[in-house]
Amino acid sequence: MLSDNIKALRKSRGFTQEEVAVRLHVVRQTVSKWEKNLSVPDAEMLQRLAELFEVSVNQLLGAPPAQEESISDVAEQLARINEQLAVKNRRARRIWRVVAGVLIAFVVLNVLFILLAVVLGYVRTSTGSESMALGEPPALAVSFGEQQVTAALGTYSWEYQSGGSALGVQSDAAPLYETDIPVLSVTEENVTISMLFEMTPDTVSVQCWDDSFWGTDWDNVSDLLVVQTVATDGETIQARAGYVYQVTAAWNDAEGYSGTVNYSFCLELAG
């Protein structure tokens, strides 16, 4: 299979997905999709892949040696792969309608929650209390071994109260799929990720889903995309490479601060 050949040749040459992406001027997720058989490279990109791996196009496609010089067979095989992928994408689009509905509902509910918090904050601060400027909510650092990254800040609502009045309100409604998500490279498929909050939250919950759709057109969402709840004790996450993670933390009157904040990051298996 073409996807297996790309992955095997990449590893045999000692390349990571990121290195292949840089050499071909594509994003890493594109290489990941090829290796997961979610898409196939076009004819020009197929030739560039063959040159990078120092094999013929026929070898890349997995043709037997006797067919090594049969260009017509190569074209026929590539057309067949594209046809199979087209069928899979049509099925994925139907599933996407359901997934899109769930994600849109999630975003709308978060926006309504933030608008409500802003309105209530305005009512409280307009009663005569002096207002104050708030910065962003506490940062979240996630680490594996000696590697550490700062999780991306997504949708949040954050305020400071004193004497029953909100002296400052800060909020943002950044959709998760528009967030520039940092990548944490891990050496194993299943790992324990440590979390370090700037301010210890009262509650923490974690969700994840396969990263194969990330950075692509939403019409190409995989039928394997399933949002999952992840085990966490508030300080660690039992995580898996190849997934996007969203951490939701909540504070309730922590030294006068309260709010709900979403963070995100992605795990990638080092090549």
C-alpha atoms as a PDB file:
ATOM      1  CA  MET A   1       0.000   0.000   0.000  1.00  0.00           C
ATOM      2  CA  LEU A   2       1.280   3.477  -0.862  1.00  0.00           C
ATOM      3  CA  SER A   3       0.787   4.792   2.696  1.00  0.00           C
ATOM      4  CA  ASP A   4       2.821   1.923   4.175  1.00  0.00           C
ATOM      5  CA  ASN A   5       5.564   2.397   1.575  1.00  0.00           C
ATOM      6  CA  ILE A   6       5.894   6.122   2.324  1.00  0.00           C
ATOM      7  CA  LYS A   7       6.140   5.444   6.068  1.00  0.00           C
ATOM      8  CA  ALA A   8       8.614   2.563   5.657  1.00  0.00           C
ATOM      9  CA  LEU A   9      10.862   4.492   3.244  1.00  0.00           C
ATOM     10  CA  ARG A  10      10.794   7.592   5.464  1.00  0.00           C
ATOM     11  CA  LYS A  11      11.911   5.604   8.501  1.00  0.00           C
ATOM     12  CA  SER A  12      14.535   3.658   6.535  1.00  0.00           C
ATOM     13  CA  ARG A  13      16.108   6.999   5.492  1.00  0.00           C
ATOM     14  CA  GLY A  14      15.981   8.260   9.077  1.00  0.00           C
ATOM     15  CA  PHE A  15      13.565  11.130   8.326  1.00  0.00           C
ATOM     16  CA  THR A  16      10.884  12.441  10.679  1.00  0.00           C
ATOM     17  CA  GLN A  17       7.519  13.542   9.282  1.00  0.00           C
ATOM     18  CA  GLU A  18       8.555  17.138   9.947  1.00  0.00           C
ATOM     19  CA  GLU A  19      11.794  16.721   7.948  1.00  0.00           C
ATOM     20  CA  VAL A  20       9.927  15.233   4.973  1.00  0.00           C
ATOM     21  CA  ALA A  21       7.390  18.072   5.138  1.00  0.00           C
ATOM     22  CA  VAL A  22      10.152  20.723   5.109  1.00  0.00           C
ATOM     23  CA  ARG A  23      11.909  19.133   2.133  1.00  0.00           C
ATOM     24  CA  LEU A  24       8.657  18.929   0.141  1.00  0.00           C
ATOM     25  CA  HIS A  25       7.368  22.368   1.274  1.00  0.00           C
ATOM     26  CA  VAL A  26       4.191  20.993   2.843  1.00  0.00           C
ATOM     27  CA  VAL A  27       2.897  20.906   6.419  1.00  0.00           C
ATOM     28  CA  ARG A  28       3.622  17.933   8.674  1.00  0.00           C
ATOM     29  CA  GLN A  29      -0.072  17.011   8.806  1.00  0.00           C
ATOM     30  CA  THR A  30       0.000  16.403   5.033  1.00  0.00           C
ATOM     31  CA  VAL A  31       2.722  13.772   5.452  1.00  0.00           C
ATOM     32  CA  SER A  32       0.772  12.269   8.358  1.00  0.00           C
ATOM     33  CA  LYS A  33      -2.346  11.997   6.155  1.00  0.00           C
ATOM     34  CA  TRP A  34      -0.361  10.195   3.435  1.00  0.00           C
ATOM     35  CA  GLU A  35       0.944   7.672   5.964  1.00  0.00           C
ATOM     36  CA  LYS A  36      -2.528   7.147   7.448  1.00  0.00           C
ATOM     37  CA  ASN A  37      -4.045   6.657   3.948  1.00  0.00           C
ATOM     38  CA  LEU A  38      -6.330   9.665   4.413  1.00  0.00           C
ATOM     39  CA  SER A  39      -5.036  11.256   1.197  1.00  0.00           C
ATOM     40  CA  VAL A  40      -2.527  10.545  -1.561  1.00  0.00           C
ATOM     41  CA  PRO A  41       0.076  12.832  -3.170  1.00  0.00           C
ATOM     42  CA  ASP A  42      -0.602  14.049  -6.699  1.00  0.00           C
ATOM     43  CA  ALA A  43       1.588  12.960  -9.625  1.00  0.00           C
ATOM     44  CA  GLU A  44       4.104  15.797  -9.184  1.00  0.00           C
ATOM     45  CA  MET A  45       4.395  15.243  -5.422  1.00  0.00           C
ATOM     46  CA  LEU A  46       4.708  11.481  -5.992  1.00  0.00           C
ATOM     47  CA  GLN A  47       7.733  12.123  -8.224  1.00  0.00           C
ATOM     48  CA  ARG A  48       9.297  14.411  -5.603  1.00  0.00           C
ATOM     49  CA  LEU A  49       8.754  11.782  -2.905  1.00  0.00           C
ATOM     50  CA  ALA A  50      10.435   9.137  -5.073  1.00  0.00           C
ATOM     51  CA  GLU A  51      13.421  11.443  -5.633  1.00  0.00           C
ATOM     52  CA  LEU A  52      13.657  12.199  -1.898  1.00  0.00           C
ATOM     53  CA  PHE A  53      13.654   8.488  -0.985  1.00  0.00           C
ATOM     54  CA  GLU A  54      15.913   7.641  -3.975  1.00  0.00           C
ATOM     55  CA  VAL A  55      13.494   5.093  -5.453  1.00  0.00           C
ATOM     56  CA  SER A  56      11.399   4.962  -8.605  1.00  0.00           C
ATOM     57  CA  VAL A  57       7.743   5.977  -8.621  1.00  0.00           C
ATOM     58  CA  ASN A  58       6.836   2.339  -9.308  1.00  0.00           C
ATOM     59  CA  GLN A  59       8.765   1.196  -6.235  1.00  0.00           C
ATOM     60  CA  LEU A  60       6.997   3.853  -4.170  1.00  0.00           C
ATOM     61  CA  LEU A  61       3.667   2.507  -5.391  1.00  0.00           C
ATOM     62  CA  GLY A  62       4.751  -1.052  -4.586  1.00  0.00           C
ATOM     63  CA  ALA A  63       4.855  -2.416  -8.149  1.00  0.00           C
ATOM     64  CA  PRO A  64       6.594  -5.800  -8.633  1.00  0.00           C
ATOM     65  CA  PRO A  65      10.045  -5.669 -10.307  1.00  0.00           C
ATOM     66  CA  ALA A  66       8.653  -7.026 -13.584  1.00  0.00           C
ATOM     67  CA  GLN A  67       6.411  -3.963 -13.830  1.00  0.00           C
ATOM     68  CA  GLU A  68       9.156  -1.483 -12.962  1.00  0.00           C
ATOM     69  CA  GLU A  69       9.149   0.239 -16.363  1.00  0.00           C
ATOM     70  CA  SER A  70       5.364   0.136 -16.996  1.00  0.00           C
ATOM     71  CA  ILE A  71       4.324   3.802 -16.791  1.00  0.00           C
ATOM     72  CA  SER A  72       0.752   2.988 -17.813  1.00  0.00           C
ATOM     73  CA  ASP A  73       0.452   0.608 -14.867  1.00  0.00           C
ATOM     74  CA  VAL A  74       1.683   3.342 -12.523  1.00  0.00           C
ATOM     75  CA  ALA A  75      -0.913   5.781 -13.836  1.00  0.00           C
ATOM     76  CA  GLU A  76      -3.648   3.173 -13.527  1.00  0.00           C
ATOM     77  CA  GLN A  77      -2.660   2.323  -9.949  1.00  0.00           C
ATOM     78  CA  LEU A  78      -2.536   5.983  -8.904  1.00  0.00           C
ATOM     79  CA  ALA A  79      -5.962   6.572 -10.453  1.00  0.00           C
ATOM     80  CA  ARG A  80      -7.349   3.579  -8.563  1.00  0.00           C
ATOM     81  CA  ILE A  81      -5.945   4.871  -5.257  1.00  0.00           C
ATOM     82  CA  ASN A  82      -7.479   8.307  -5.890  1.00  0.00           C
ATOM     83  CA  GLU A  83     -10.840   6.707  -6.686  1.00  0.00           C
ATOM     84  CA  GLN A  84     -10.786   4.729  -3.428  1.00  0.00           C
ATOM     85  CA  LEU A  85      -9.855   7.858  -1.498  1.00  0.00           C
ATOM     86  CA  ALA A  86     -12.685   9.814  -3.158  1.00  0.00           C
ATOM     87  CA  VAL A  87     -15.192   7.218  -1.937  1.00  0.00           C
ATOM     88  CA  LYS A  88     -13.745   7.457   1.573  1.00  0.00           C
ATOM     89  CA  ASN A  89     -13.898  11.283   1.517  1.00  0.00           C
ATOM     90  CA  ARG A  90     -17.549  11.252   0.473  1.00  0.00           C
ATOM     91  CA  ARG A  91     -18.313   9.070   3.475  1.00  0.00           C
ATOM     92  CA  ALA A  92     -16.221  11.356   5.703  1.00  0.00           C
ATOM     93  CA  ARG A  93     -18.191  14.421   4.555  1.00  0.00           C
ATOM     94  CA  ARG A  94     -21.417  12.830   5.762  1.00  0.00           C
ATOM     95  CA  ILE A  95     -19.836  12.110   9.133  1.00  0.00           C
ATOM     96  CA  TRP A  96     -18.444  15.661   9.237  1.00  0.00           C
ATOM     97  CA  ARG A  97     -21.963  17.114   9.189  1.00  0.00           C
ATOM     98  CA  VAL A  98     -22.626  15.401  12.499  1.00  0.00           C
ATOM     99  CA  VAL A  99     -19.211  16.289  13.931  1.00  0.00           C
ATOM    100  CA  ALA A 100     -19.546  19.898  12.756  1.00  0.00           C
ATOM    101  CA  GLY A 101     -22.878  20.198  14.517  1.00  0.00           C
ATOM    102  CA  VAL A 102     -21.321  19.051  17.788  1.00  0.00           C
ATOM    103  CA  LEU A 103     -18.317  21.393  17.476  1.00  0.00           C
ATOM    104  CA  ILE A 104     -20.453  24.386  16.476  1.00  0.00           C
ATOM    105  CA  ALA A 105     -22.788  23.773  19.406  1.00  0.00           C
ATOM    106  CA  PHE A 106     -19.754  23.636  21.728  1.00  0.00           C
ATOM    107  CA  VAL A 107     -18.400  26.950  20.393  1.00  0.00           C
ATOM    108  CA  VAL A 108     -21.827  28.642  20.576  1.00  0.00           C
ATOM    109  CA  LEU A 109     -22.329  27.548  24.196  1.00  0.00           C
ATOM    110  CA  ASN A 110     -18.870  28.873  25.131  1.00  0.00           C
ATOM    111  CA  VAL A 111     -19.584  32.199  23.410  1.00  0.00           C
ATOM    112  CA  LEU A 112     -22.938  32.519  25.215  1.00  0.00           C
ATOM    113  CA  PHE A 113     -21.234  31.720  28.511  1.00  0.00           C
ATOM    114  CA  ILE A 114     -18.604  34.407  27.919  1.00  0.00           C
ATOM    115  CA  LEU A 115     -21.169  37.011  26.828  1.00  0.00           C
ATOM    116  CA  LEU A 116     -23.188  36.288  29.948  1.00  0.00           C
ATOM    117  CA  ALA A 117     -20.071  36.689  32.097  1.00  0.00           C
ATOM    118  CA  VAL A 118     -19.225  39.984  30.395  1.00  0.00           C
ATOM    119  CA  VAL A 119     -22.775  41.329  30.857  1.00  0.00           C
ATOM    120  CA  LEU A 120     -22.886  40.321  34.520  1.00  0.00           C
ATOM    121  CA  GLY A 121     -19.428  41.794  35.027  1.00  0.00           C
ATOM    122  CA  TYR A 122     -20.537  45.100  33.459  1.00  0.00           C
ATOM    123  CA  VAL A 123     -23.617  45.240  35.692  1.00  0.00           C
ATOM    124  CA  ARG A 124     -21.521  44.627  38.790  1.00  0.00           C
ATOM    125  CA  THR A 125     -18.758  47.108  37.905  1.00  0.00           C
ATOM    126  CA  SER A 126     -21.297  49.818  36.978  1.00  0.00           C
ATOM    127  CA  THR A 127     -22.601  49.899  40.570  1.00  0.00           C
ATOM    128  CA  GLY A 128     -19.750  52.158  41.679  1.00  0.00           C
ATOM    129  CA  SER A 129     -16.816  49.807  42.289  1.00  0.00           C
ATOM    130  CA  GLU A 130     -13.499  50.871  40.839  1.00  0.00           C
ATOM    131  CA  SER A 131     -12.559  48.739  37.819  1.00  0.00           C
ATOM    132  CA  MET A 132      -9.157  47.159  37.206  1.00  0.00           C
ATOM    133  CA  ALA A 133      -7.367  45.788  34.134  1.00  0.00           C
ATOM    134  CA  LEU A 134      -6.831  42.033  34.024  1.00  0.00           C
ATOM    135  CA  GLY A 135      -4.190  40.198  32.037  1.00  0.00           C
ATOM    136  CA  GLU A 136      -4.627  36.763  30.504  1.00  0.00           C
ATOM    137  CA  PRO A 137      -5.581  33.794  32.731  1.00  0.00           C
ATOM    138  CA  PRO A 138      -2.861  31.602  34.317  1.00  0.00           C
ATOM    139  CA  ALA A 139      -0.592  29.872  31.814  1.00  0.00           C
ATOM    140  CA  LEU A 140      -0.370  26.081  31.537  1.00  0.00           C
ATOM    141  CA  ALA A 141       2.937  24.343  30.818  1.00  0.00           C
ATOM    142  CA  VAL A 142       2.919  20.679  29.733  1.00  0.00           C
ATOM    143  CA  SER A 143       6.049  18.547  29.800  1.00  0.00           C
ATOM    144  CA  PHE A 144       7.436  15.126  28.963  1.00  0.00           C
ATOM    145  CA  GLY A 145      10.892  14.288  30.266  1.00  0.00           C
ATOM    146  CA  GLU A 146      13.074  17.365  29.798  1.00  0.00           C
ATOM    147  CA  GLN A 147      10.842  18.821  27.072  1.00  0.00           C
ATOM    148  CA  GLN A 148       8.268  21.495  27.982  1.00  0.00           C
ATOM    149  CA  VAL A 149       5.884  23.693  25.975  1.00  0.00           C
ATOM    150  CA  THR A 150       3.272  26.283  26.921  1.00  0.00           C
ATOM    151  CA  ALA A 151      -0.227  25.127  25.997  1.00  0.00           C
ATOM    152  CA  ALA A 152      -2.191  27.390  23.637  1.00  0.00           C
ATOM    153  CA  LEU A 153      -4.826  29.585  25.293  1.00  0.00           C
ATOM    154  CA  GLY A 154      -8.296  29.103  23.789  1.00  0.00           C
ATOM    155  CA  THR A 155     -11.770  30.248  24.832  1.00  0.00           C
ATOM    156  CA  TYR A 156     -11.894  31.613  28.390  1.00  0.00           C
ATOM    157  CA  SER A 157     -13.692  33.859  30.879  1.00  0.00           C
ATOM    158  CA  TRP A 158     -11.619  35.382  33.699  1.00  0.00           C
ATOM    159  CA  GLU A 159     -12.504  37.908  36.421  1.00  0.00           C
ATOM    160  CA  TYR A 160     -11.378  39.365  39.741  1.00  0.00           C
ATOM    161  CA  GLN A 161     -13.873  40.022  42.542  1.00  0.00           C
ATOM    162  CA  SER A 162     -13.653  42.042  45.714  1.00  0.00           C
ATOM    163  CA  GLY A 163     -16.446  42.753  48.180  1.00  0.00           C
ATOM    164  CA  GLY A 164     -18.954  40.894  45.986  1.00  0.00           C
ATOM    165  CA  SER A 165     -18.242  43.100  42.950  1.00  0.00           C
ATOM    166  CA  ALA A 166     -16.302  42.192  39.811  1.00  0.00           C
ATOM    167  CA  LEU A 167     -13.464  44.703  39.536  1.00  0.00           C
ATOM    168  CA  GLY A 168     -12.161  43.322  36.255  1.00  0.00           C
ATOM    169  CA  VAL A 169     -13.393  40.960  33.531  1.00  0.00           C
ATOM    170  CA  GLN A 170     -11.317  39.461  30.706  1.00  0.00           C
ATOM    171  CA  SER A 171     -12.606  37.006  28.064  1.00  0.00           C
ATOM    172  CA  ASP A 172     -11.933  35.607  24.601  1.00  0.00           C
ATOM    173  CA  ALA A 173     -13.863  33.244  22.301  1.00  0.00           C
ATOM    174  CA  ALA A 174     -11.084  31.794  20.141  1.00  0.00           C
ATOM    175  CA  PRO A 175     -12.378  28.685  18.282  1.00  0.00           C
ATOM    176  CA  LEU A 176     -10.097  25.723  18.920  1.00  0.00           C
ATOM    177  CA  TYR A 177      -9.620  24.943  15.209  1.00  0.00           C
ATOM    178  CA  GLU A 178      -8.220  28.479  14.668  1.00  0.00           C
ATOM    179  CA  THR A 179      -5.682  28.176  17.494  1.00  0.00           C
ATOM    180  CA  ASP A 180      -1.959  27.765  16.777  1.00  0.00           C
ATOM    181  CA  ILE A 181      -1.407  24.588  18.776  1.00  0.00           C
ATOM    182  CA  PRO A 182       2.097  23.782  20.150  1.00  0.00           C
ATOM    183  CA  VAL A 183       3.472  20.264  19.559  1.00  0.00           C
ATOM    184  CA  LEU A 184       5.087  18.145  22.261  1.00  0.00           C
ATOM    185  CA  SER A 185       7.293  15.358  20.839  1.00  0.00           C
ATOM    186  CA  VAL A 186       7.244  12.053  22.745  1.00  0.00           C
ATOM    187  CA  THR A 187       9.269   8.874  22.368  1.00  0.00           C
ATOM    188  CA  GLU A 188       6.508   6.361  23.073  1.00  0.00           C
ATOM    189  CA  GLU A 189       2.946   5.816  21.848  1.00  0.00           C
ATOM    190  CA  ASN A 190       1.428   6.058  25.365  1.00  0.00           C
ATOM    191  CA  VAL A 191       3.000   8.437  27.885  1.00  0.00           C
ATOM    192  CA  THR A 192       2.285  10.399  31.062  1.00  0.00           C
ATOM    193  CA  ILE A 193       2.260  14.177  30.493  1.00  0.00           C
ATOM    194  CA  SER A 194       2.840  16.545  33.439  1.00  0.00           C
ATOM    195  CA  MET A 195       0.806  19.757  33.818  1.00  0.00           C
ATOM    196  CA  LEU A 196       2.026  22.860  35.656  1.00  0.00           C
ATOM    197  CA  PHE A 197      -0.516  25.668  36.129  1.00  0.00           C
ATOM    198  CA  GLU A 198       0.541  29.177  37.116  1.00  0.00           C
ATOM    199  CA  MET A 199      -2.351  29.053  39.604  1.00  0.00           C
ATOM    200  CA  THR A 200      -3.735  25.741  40.864  1.00  0.00           C
ATOM    201  CA  PRO A 201      -7.308  25.265  39.530  1.00  0.00           C
ATOM    202  CA  ASP A 202     -10.237  23.816  41.492  1.00  0.00           C
ATOM    203  CA  THR A 203     -11.235  21.374  38.738  1.00  0.00           C
ATOM    204  CA  VAL A 204      -9.537  20.005  35.623  1.00  0.00           C
ATOM    205  CA  SER A 205     -10.974  17.915  32.765  1.00  0.00           C
ATOM    206  CA  VAL A 206      -9.302  16.749  29.546  1.00  0.00           C
ATOM    207  CA  GLN A 207     -10.592  15.695  26.112  1.00  0.00           C
ATOM    208  CA  CYS A 208      -8.735  14.562  22.996  1.00  0.00           C
ATOM    209  CA  TRP A 209      -9.223  13.478  19.398  1.00  0.00           C
ATOM    210  CA  ASP A 210      -7.097  12.171  16.526  1.00  0.00           C
ATOM    211  CA  ASP A 211      -4.964  14.913  14.939  1.00  0.00           C
ATOM    212  CA  SER A 212      -5.313  13.535  11.383  1.00  0.00           C
ATOM    213  CA  PHE A 213      -7.818  16.249  10.415  1.00  0.00           C
ATOM    214  CA  TRP A 214      -5.815  19.116  11.916  1.00  0.00           C
ATOM    215  CA  GLY A 215      -4.654  21.815   9.484  1.00  0.00           C
ATOM    216  CA  THR A 216      -6.793  20.431   6.647  1.00  0.00           C
ATOM    217  CA  ASP A 217     -10.095  21.377   5.056  1.00  0.00           C
ATOM    218  CA  TRP A 218     -12.920  20.517   7.446  1.00  0.00           C
ATOM    219  CA  ASP A 219     -14.620  18.573   4.632  1.00  0.00           C
ATOM    220  CA  ASN A 220     -11.809  16.012   4.966  1.00  0.00           C
ATOM    221  CA  VAL A 221     -12.485  15.097   8.601  1.00  0.00           C
ATOM    222  CA  SER A 222     -11.686  11.406   9.141  1.00  0.00           C
ATOM    223  CA  ASP A 223     -14.459   8.998  10.059  1.00  0.00           C
ATOM    224  CA  LEU A 224     -12.145   7.985  12.934  1.00  0.00           C
ATOM    225  CA  LEU A 225     -12.571  11.411  14.594  1.00  0.00           C
ATOM    226  CA  VAL A 226     -14.058  10.678  18.017  1.00  0.00           C
ATOM    227  CA  VAL A 227     -13.837  13.049  20.984  1.00  0.00           C
ATOM    228  CA  GLN A 228     -12.651  11.122  24.060  1.00  0.00           C
ATOM    229  CA  THR A 229     -12.452  11.911  27.772  1.00  0.00           C
ATOM    230  CA  VAL A 230      -8.915  11.501  29.137  1.00  0.00           C
ATOM    231  CA  ALA A 231      -7.880  10.294  32.605  1.00  0.00           C
ATOM    232  CA  THR A 232      -6.259  13.046  34.700  1.00  0.00           C
ATOM    233  CA  ASP A 233      -5.556  13.768  38.357  1.00  0.00           C
ATOM    234  CA  GLY A 234      -5.204  17.503  37.719  1.00  0.00           C
ATOM    235  CA  GLU A 235      -1.403  17.252  37.559  1.00  0.00           C
ATOM    236  CA  THR A 236      -0.810  14.522  34.954  1.00  0.00           C
ATOM    237  CA  ILE A 237      -2.513  13.208  31.810  1.00  0.00           C
ATOM    238  CA  GLN A 238      -2.433   9.634  30.496  1.00  0.00           C
ATOM    239  CA  ALA A 239      -1.855  10.648  26.870  1.00  0.00           C
ATOM    240  CA  ARG A 240      -1.250   9.115  23.437  1.00  0.00           C
ATOM    241  CA  ALA A 241       0.838  10.345  20.520  1.00  0.00           C
ATOM    242  CA  GLY A 242      -0.997  11.609  17.430  1.00  0.00           C
ATOM    243  CA  TYR A 243      -3.823  13.314  19.342  1.00  0.00           C
ATOM    244  CA  VAL A 244      -4.939  16.912  19.990  1.00  0.00           C
ATOM    245  CA  TYR A 245      -5.658  17.593  23.684  1.00  0.00           C
ATOM    246  CA  GLN A 246      -7.942  20.218  25.229  1.00  0.00           C
ATOM    247  CA  VAL A 247      -7.592  20.927  28.948  1.00  0.00           C
ATOM    248  CA  THR A 248     -10.477  22.744  30.661  1.00  0.00           C
ATOM    249  CA  ALA A 249      -9.601  24.258  34.042  1.00  0.00           C
ATOM    250  CA  ALA A 250     -11.905  26.151  36.424  1.00  0.00           C
ATOM    251  CA  TRP A 251     -11.161  28.449  39.370  1.00  0.00           C
ATOM    252  CA  ASN A 252     -13.686  29.531  42.007  1.00  0.00           C
ATOM    253  CA  ASP A 253     -12.556  32.526  44.076  1.00  0.00           C
ATOM    254  CA  ALA A 254      -8.854  31.645  44.038  1.00  0.00           C
ATOM    255  CA  GLU A 255      -7.508  34.708  45.904  1.00  0.00           C
ATOM    256  CA  GLY A 256     -10.342  36.717  44.376  1.00  0.00           C
ATOM    257  CA  TYR A 257      -9.949  35.244  40.862  1.00  0.00           C
ATOM    258  CA  SER A 258     -12.450  32.965  39.142  1.00  0.00           C
ATOM    259  CA  GLY A 259     -13.236  31.697  35.663  1.00  0.00           C
ATOM    260  CA  THR A 260     -13.088  28.832  33.162  1.00  0.00           C
ATOM    261  CA  VAL A 261     -10.179  28.484  30.722  1.00  0.00           C
ATOM    262  CA  ASN A 262      -9.503  26.135  27.789  1.00  0.00           C
ATOM    263  CA  TYR A 263      -5.943  25.169  26.781  1.00  0.00           C
ATOM    264  CA  SER A 264      -4.736  22.961  23.932  1.00  0.00           C
ATOM    265  CA  PHE A 265      -1.642  21.133  22.696  1.00  0.00           C
ATOM    266  CA  CYS A 266      -0.750  18.202  20.449  1.00  0.00           C
ATOM    267  CA  LEU A 267       1.388  15.082  20.944  1.00  0.00           C
ATOM    268  CA  GLU A 268       3.626  13.824  18.129  1.00  0.00           C
ATOM    269  CA  LEU A 269       5.605  10.586  18.123  1.00  0.00           C
ATOM    270  CA  ALA A 270       9.251  11.418  17.444  1.00  0.00           C
ATOM    271  CA  GLY A 271      10.506   9.784  14.234  1.00  0.00           C
END
